[in-house]
Amino acid sequence: MTLPYLLDTSIVSAPMAKTPDPHIIKRLERNGHESAIGLADKQSLRN
């Protein structure tokens, strides 16, 4: 499976902002099914 969009956590949390950016919401609705977020590896979590 290949996904064209790798999202930063700030984009994923954007809909929960006090005043969400409507452009980000629209793009997430349109392309969310083709998106993923990265998984932190164990070494990154230790630092």
PDB file of N, CA and C in Angstrom:
ATOM      1  N   MET A   1       0.843  -1.170   0.000  1.00  0.00           N
ATOM      2  CA  MET A   1       0.000   0.000   0.000  1.00  0.00           C
ATOM      3  C   MET A   1       0.892   1.239   0.000  1.00  0.00           C
ATOM      4  N   THR A   2       0.620   2.163  -0.888  1.00  0.00           N
ATOM      5  CA  THR A   2       1.349   3.422  -0.963  1.00  0.00           C
ATOM      6  C   THR A   2       0.380   4.568  -0.728  1.00  0.00           C
ATOM      7  N   LEU A   3       0.765   5.456   0.171  1.00  0.00           N
ATOM      8  CA  LEU A   3      -0.055   6.629   0.467  1.00  0.00           C
ATOM      9  C   LEU A   3       0.695   7.883   0.029  1.00  0.00           C
ATOM     10  N   PRO A   4       0.043   8.778  -0.711  1.00  0.00           N
ATOM     11  CA  PRO A   4       0.737   9.962  -1.207  1.00  0.00           C
ATOM     12  C   PRO A   4       0.977  11.060  -0.166  1.00  0.00           C
ATOM     13  N   TYR A   5       0.308  11.001   0.984  1.00  0.00           N
ATOM     14  CA  TYR A   5       0.439  12.070   1.971  1.00  0.00           C
ATOM     15  C   TYR A   5       0.903  11.529   3.321  1.00  0.00           C
ATOM     16  N   LEU A   6       2.015  12.062   3.814  1.00  0.00           N
ATOM     17  CA  LEU A   6       2.491  11.762   5.161  1.00  0.00           C
ATOM     18  C   LEU A   6       2.284  13.034   5.965  1.00  0.00           C
ATOM     19  N   LEU A   7       1.414  12.980   6.957  1.00  0.00           N
ATOM     20  CA  LEU A   7       1.030  14.179   7.694  1.00  0.00           C
ATOM     21  C   LEU A   7       1.848  14.386   8.955  1.00  0.00           C
ATOM     22  N   ASP A   8       2.128  15.624   9.234  1.00  0.00           N
ATOM     23  CA  ASP A   8       2.758  16.023  10.480  1.00  0.00           C
ATOM     24  C   ASP A   8       1.677  16.021  11.560  1.00  0.00           C
ATOM     25  N   THR A   9       2.070  15.788  12.799  1.00  0.00           N
ATOM     26  CA  THR A   9       1.072  15.737  13.881  1.00  0.00           C
ATOM     27  C   THR A   9       0.338  17.058  14.060  1.00  0.00           C
ATOM     28  N   SER A  10       0.965  18.181  13.696  1.00  0.00           N
ATOM     29  CA  SER A  10       0.264  19.466  13.819  1.00  0.00           C
ATOM     30  C   SER A  10      -0.918  19.546  12.856  1.00  0.00           C
ATOM     31  N   ILE A  11      -0.815  18.924  11.695  1.00  0.00           N
ATOM     32  CA  ILE A  11      -1.922  18.903  10.740  1.00  0.00           C
ATOM     33  C   ILE A  11      -3.028  17.985  11.236  1.00  0.00           C
ATOM     34  N   VAL A  12      -2.648  16.860  11.799  1.00  0.00           N
ATOM     35  CA  VAL A  12      -3.644  15.913  12.310  1.00  0.00           C
ATOM     36  C   VAL A  12      -4.444  16.524  13.454  1.00  0.00           C
ATOM     37  N   SER A  13      -3.793  17.324  14.279  1.00  0.00           N
ATOM     38  CA  SER A  13      -4.493  17.935  15.419  1.00  0.00           C
ATOM     39  C   SER A  13      -5.181  19.253  15.061  1.00  0.00           C
ATOM     40  N   ALA A  14      -4.963  19.778  13.875  1.00  0.00           N
ATOM     41  CA  ALA A  14      -5.529  21.070  13.466  1.00  0.00           C
ATOM     42  C   ALA A  14      -7.054  21.161  13.614  1.00  0.00           C
ATOM     43  N   PRO A  15      -7.823  20.111  13.307  1.00  0.00           N
ATOM     44  CA  PRO A  15      -9.271  20.225  13.466  1.00  0.00           C
ATOM     45  C   PRO A  15      -9.718  20.465  14.918  1.00  0.00           C
ATOM     46  N   MET A  16      -8.855  20.170  15.866  1.00  0.00           N
ATOM     47  CA  MET A  16      -9.216  20.340  17.273  1.00  0.00           C
ATOM     48  C   MET A  16      -8.802  21.701  17.825  1.00  0.00           C
ATOM     49  N   ALA A  17      -8.242  22.551  16.964  1.00  0.00           N
ATOM     50  CA  ALA A  17      -7.821  23.884  17.389  1.00  0.00           C
ATOM     51  C   ALA A  17      -9.039  24.713  17.784  1.00  0.00           C
ATOM     52  N   LYS A  18      -8.788  25.714  18.599  1.00  0.00           N
ATOM     53  CA  LYS A  18      -9.867  26.613  19.019  1.00  0.00           C
ATOM     54  C   LYS A  18     -10.579  27.211  17.808  1.00  0.00           C
ATOM     55  N   THR A  19      -9.799  27.624  16.820  1.00  0.00           N
ATOM     56  CA  THR A  19     -10.336  28.138  15.562  1.00  0.00           C
ATOM     57  C   THR A  19      -9.665  27.377  14.422  1.00  0.00           C
ATOM     58  N   PRO A  20     -10.246  26.257  14.005  1.00  0.00           N
ATOM     59  CA  PRO A  20      -9.625  25.435  12.955  1.00  0.00           C
ATOM     60  C   PRO A  20      -9.523  26.189  11.622  1.00  0.00           C
ATOM     61  N   ASP A  21      -8.439  25.955  10.920  1.00  0.00           N
ATOM     62  CA  ASP A  21      -8.237  26.551   9.601  1.00  0.00           C
ATOM     63  C   ASP A  21      -9.136  25.810   8.600  1.00  0.00           C
ATOM     64  N   PRO A  22     -10.077  26.506   7.980  1.00  0.00           N
ATOM     65  CA  PRO A  22     -11.002  25.824   7.065  1.00  0.00           C
ATOM     66  C   PRO A  22     -10.322  25.183   5.863  1.00  0.00           C
ATOM     67  N   HIS A  23      -9.182  25.717   5.451  1.00  0.00           N
ATOM     68  CA  HIS A  23      -8.459  25.138   4.317  1.00  0.00           C
ATOM     69  C   HIS A  23      -7.865  23.773   4.693  1.00  0.00           C
ATOM     70  N   ILE A  24      -7.343  23.671   5.900  1.00  0.00           N
ATOM     71  CA  ILE A  24      -6.794  22.391   6.364  1.00  0.00           C
ATOM     72  C   ILE A  24      -7.916  21.368   6.508  1.00  0.00           C
ATOM     73  N   ILE A  25      -9.029  21.785   7.087  1.00  0.00           N
ATOM     74  CA  ILE A  25     -10.175  20.873   7.251  1.00  0.00           C
ATOM     75  C   ILE A  25     -10.636  20.352   5.898  1.00  0.00           C
ATOM     76  N   LYS A  26     -10.750  21.236   4.926  1.00  0.00           N
ATOM     77  CA  LYS A  26     -11.210  20.841   3.588  1.00  0.00           C
ATOM     78  C   LYS A  26     -10.257  19.831   2.957  1.00  0.00           C
ATOM     79  N   ARG A  27      -8.956  20.071   3.089  1.00  0.00           N
ATOM     80  CA  ARG A  27      -7.983  19.140   2.506  1.00  0.00           C
ATOM     81  C   ARG A  27      -7.977  17.799   3.219  1.00  0.00           C
ATOM     82  N   LEU A  28      -8.143  17.816   4.543  1.00  0.00           N
ATOM     83  CA  LEU A  28      -8.223  16.550   5.273  1.00  0.00           C
ATOM     84  C   LEU A  28      -9.464  15.763   4.862  1.00  0.00           C
ATOM     85  N   GLU A  29     -10.565  16.448   4.685  1.00  0.00           N
ATOM     86  CA  GLU A  29     -11.791  15.764   4.239  1.00  0.00           C
ATOM     87  C   GLU A  29     -11.614  15.185   2.844  1.00  0.00           C
ATOM     88  N   ARG A  30     -10.956  15.936   1.969  1.00  0.00           N
ATOM     89  CA  ARG A  30     -10.779  15.499   0.586  1.00  0.00           C
ATOM     90  C   ARG A  30      -9.730  14.394   0.453  1.00  0.00           C
ATOM     91  N   ASN A  31      -8.634  14.477   1.222  1.00  0.00           N
ATOM     92  CA  ASN A  31      -7.511  13.557   1.025  1.00  0.00           C
ATOM     93  C   ASN A  31      -7.211  12.664   2.223  1.00  0.00           C
ATOM     94  N   GLY A  32      -8.032  12.712   3.251  1.00  0.00           N
ATOM     95  CA  GLY A  32      -7.758  11.944   4.458  1.00  0.00           C
ATOM     96  C   GLY A  32      -7.626  10.456   4.232  1.00  0.00           C
ATOM     97  N   HIS A  33      -8.372   9.927   3.302  1.00  0.00           N
ATOM     98  CA  HIS A  33      -8.320   8.481   3.029  1.00  0.00           C
ATOM     99  C   HIS A  33      -7.011   8.071   2.352  1.00  0.00           C
ATOM    100  N   GLU A  34      -6.229   9.048   1.886  1.00  0.00           N
ATOM    101  CA  GLU A  34      -4.940   8.775   1.250  1.00  0.00           C
ATOM    102  C   GLU A  34      -3.779   9.222   2.133  1.00  0.00           C
ATOM    103  N   SER A  35      -4.032   9.423   3.409  1.00  0.00           N
ATOM    104  CA  SER A  35      -3.037  10.003   4.304  1.00  0.00           C
ATOM    105  C   SER A  35      -2.650   9.061   5.432  1.00  0.00           C
ATOM    106  N   ALA A  36      -1.476   9.330   5.988  1.00  0.00           N
ATOM    107  CA  ALA A  36      -0.989   8.562   7.131  1.00  0.00           C
ATOM    108  C   ALA A  36      -0.147   9.483   8.001  1.00  0.00           C
ATOM    109  N   ILE A  37       0.094   9.049   9.221  1.00  0.00           N
ATOM    110  CA  ILE A  37       1.032   9.757  10.084  1.00  0.00           C
ATOM    111  C   ILE A  37       2.186   8.811  10.368  1.00  0.00           C
ATOM    112  N   GLY A  38       3.338   9.390  10.630  1.00  0.00           N
ATOM    113  CA  GLY A  38       4.514   8.573  10.928  1.00  0.00           C
ATOM    114  C   GLY A  38       4.409   7.950  12.311  1.00  0.00           C
ATOM    115  N   LEU A  39       5.125   6.894  12.491  1.00  0.00           N
ATOM    116  CA  LEU A  39       5.174   6.199  13.780  1.00  0.00           C
ATOM    117  C   LEU A  39       6.540   6.466  14.402  1.00  0.00           C
ATOM    118  N   ALA A  40       6.535   6.970  15.620  1.00  0.00           N
ATOM    119  CA  ALA A  40       7.802   7.220  16.314  1.00  0.00           C
ATOM    120  C   ALA A  40       8.437   5.894  16.706  1.00  0.00           C
ATOM    121  N   ASP A  41       9.727   5.778  16.446  1.00  0.00           N
ATOM    122  CA  ASP A  41      10.399   4.549  16.862  1.00  0.00           C
ATOM    123  C   ASP A  41      10.825   4.650  18.321  1.00  0.00           C
ATOM    124  N   LYS A  42      11.159   3.538  18.891  1.00  0.00           N
ATOM    125  CA  LYS A  42      11.483   3.463  20.315  1.00  0.00           C
ATOM    126  C   LYS A  42      12.646   4.387  20.694  1.00  0.00           C
ATOM    127  N   GLN A  43      13.638   4.472  19.840  1.00  0.00           N
ATOM    128  CA  GLN A  43      14.802   5.317  20.125  1.00  0.00           C
ATOM    129  C   GLN A  43      14.399   6.788  20.203  1.00  0.00           C
ATOM    130  N   SER A  44      13.520   7.230  19.320  1.00  0.00           N
ATOM    131  CA  SER A  44      13.080   8.634  19.331  1.00  0.00           C
ATOM    132  C   SER A  44      12.323   8.962  20.608  1.00  0.00           C
ATOM    133  N   LEU A  45      11.562   8.025  21.109  1.00  0.00           N
ATOM    134  CA  LEU A  45      10.771   8.265  22.306  1.00  0.00           C
ATOM    135  C   LEU A  45      11.639   8.390  23.554  1.00  0.00           C
ATOM    136  N   ARG A  46      12.810   7.792  23.553  1.00  0.00           N
ATOM    137  CA  ARG A  46      13.712   7.853  24.709  1.00  0.00           C
ATOM    138  C   ARG A  46      14.384   9.204  24.847  1.00  0.00           C
ATOM    139  N   ASN A  47      14.549   9.925  23.766  1.00  0.00           N
ATOM    140  CA  ASN A  47      15.265  11.215  23.782  1.00  0.00           C
ATOM    141  C   ASN A  47      14.391  12.346  24.179  1.00  0.00           C
TER     142      ASN A  47
END
